[in-house]
């Protein structure tokens, strides 16, 4: 799934790069009326912002994956040392434990 997601994001970023280039070219065009150049400039800015948001989410996701792997390695090396409560987030395989107040109420 991860490789598929990376390839899809790569294709999306390549398409965005083409759209940004086209919008920038049209924004600088002498033949286009001023009102259209304003719209092309605005579109180029929006596309750049969107591309930046995609790249930012990719870097955050990769950092999260790396941190999970590092935590796992550290706790495998030192099995006697348990993580403090709430340090490792529960996964979907391990459902979160309910508190006693929720069970009674």
Protein backbone atom coordinates (compact mmCIF):
# COMPACT_ATOMS: atom_id res chain seq x y z
CA UNK A 1 0.00 0.00 0.00
CA UNK A 2 2.83 2.37 0.86
CA UNK A 3 4.58 1.96 -2.50
CA UNK A 4 1.29 2.50 -4.32
CA UNK A 5 0.65 5.65 -2.29
CA UNK A 6 4.14 6.96 -3.05
CA UNK A 7 3.76 6.36 -6.79
CA UNK A 8 0.34 8.02 -6.82
CA UNK A 9 1.70 11.03 -4.96
CA UNK A 10 4.62 11.19 -7.38
CA UNK A 11 2.18 11.24 -10.31
CA UNK A 12 0.05 13.88 -8.58
CA UNK A 13 3.06 16.11 -7.91
CA UNK A 14 4.24 15.72 -11.52
CA UNK A 15 0.78 16.71 -12.79
CA UNK A 16 0.70 19.68 -10.40
CA UNK A 17 4.14 20.77 -11.62
CA UNK A 18 2.84 20.74 -15.21
CA UNK A 19 -0.25 22.73 -14.21
CA UNK A 20 1.86 25.25 -12.29
CA UNK A 21 4.16 25.69 -15.30
CA UNK A 22 1.18 26.21 -17.62
CA UNK A 23 -0.51 28.68 -15.25
CA UNK A 24 2.75 30.60 -14.79
CA UNK A 25 3.30 30.73 -18.53
CA UNK A 26 -0.23 32.03 -19.13
CA UNK A 27 0.14 34.58 -16.29
CA UNK A 28 3.24 36.00 -18.02
CA UNK A 29 1.73 35.91 -21.52
CA UNK A 30 1.52 39.25 -23.31
CA UNK A 31 -1.37 38.02 -25.46
CA UNK A 32 -3.70 37.26 -22.55
CA UNK A 33 -5.91 40.11 -21.31
CA UNK A 34 -5.06 41.56 -17.90
CA UNK A 35 -8.14 40.03 -16.25
CA UNK A 36 -7.13 36.56 -17.43
CA UNK A 37 -3.54 37.05 -16.31
CA UNK A 38 -4.81 37.85 -12.81
CA UNK A 39 -6.81 34.61 -12.78
CA UNK A 40 -3.85 32.57 -14.04
CA UNK A 41 -1.61 34.12 -11.39
CA UNK A 42 -4.13 33.28 -8.67
CA UNK A 43 -4.46 29.71 -9.97
CA UNK A 44 -0.67 29.28 -10.02
CA UNK A 45 -0.49 30.44 -6.40
CA UNK A 46 -3.24 28.04 -5.33
CA UNK A 47 -1.55 25.14 -7.11
CA UNK A 48 1.79 25.95 -5.48
CA UNK A 49 0.10 26.03 -2.07
CA UNK A 50 -1.61 22.68 -2.76
CA UNK A 51 1.67 21.08 -3.90
CA UNK A 52 3.38 22.36 -0.75
CA UNK A 53 0.62 20.87 1.41
CA UNK A 54 1.05 17.47 -0.27
CA UNK A 55 4.82 17.53 0.24
CA UNK A 56 4.39 18.59 3.87
CA UNK A 57 1.97 15.73 4.58
CA UNK A 58 4.36 13.28 2.91
CA UNK A 59 7.25 14.37 5.12
CA UNK A 60 5.12 14.20 8.29
CA UNK A 61 3.90 10.72 7.38
CA UNK A 62 7.41 9.46 6.69
CA UNK A 63 8.68 10.95 9.97
CA UNK A 64 5.85 9.23 11.84
CA UNK A 65 6.70 5.88 10.23
CA UNK A 66 10.40 6.28 11.05
CA UNK A 67 9.61 7.16 14.67
CA UNK A 68 7.42 4.07 15.01
CA UNK A 69 10.23 1.84 13.68
CA UNK A 70 12.80 3.46 15.98
CA UNK A 71 10.54 3.08 19.04
CA UNK A 72 10.01 -0.57 18.18
CA UNK A 73 13.76 -1.19 17.84
CA UNK A 74 14.53 0.53 21.14
CA UNK A 75 11.95 -1.47 23.07
CA UNK A 76 13.09 -4.73 21.44
CA UNK A 77 16.67 -4.06 22.58
CA UNK A 78 15.58 -3.31 26.15
CA UNK A 79 12.60 -5.58 26.85
CA UNK A 80 12.85 -5.12 30.63
CA UNK A 81 12.16 -1.44 30.16
CA UNK A 82 8.51 -0.80 29.38
CA UNK A 83 7.28 2.41 27.79
CA UNK A 84 5.50 4.88 30.04
CA UNK A 85 1.71 4.79 29.83
CA UNK A 86 0.42 6.59 26.76
CA UNK A 87 3.82 6.63 25.07
CA UNK A 88 2.97 4.13 22.35
CA UNK A 89 -0.33 4.85 20.72
CA UNK A 90 -2.71 1.88 20.44
CA UNK A 91 -2.93 0.32 17.01
CA UNK A 92 -6.06 -1.00 15.36
CA UNK A 93 -4.99 -4.53 16.28
CA UNK A 94 -4.90 -3.55 19.96
CA UNK A 95 -8.12 -1.77 20.97
CA UNK A 96 -7.76 0.99 23.52
CA UNK A 97 -8.56 0.05 27.10
CA UNK A 98 -11.67 1.64 28.55
CA UNK A 99 -11.46 3.48 31.82
CA UNK A 100 -13.36 2.21 34.86
CA UNK A 101 -15.66 5.24 34.89
CA UNK A 102 -16.86 4.53 31.37
CA UNK A 103 -17.55 0.86 32.18
CA UNK A 104 -19.64 1.75 35.26
CA UNK A 105 -21.58 4.60 33.62
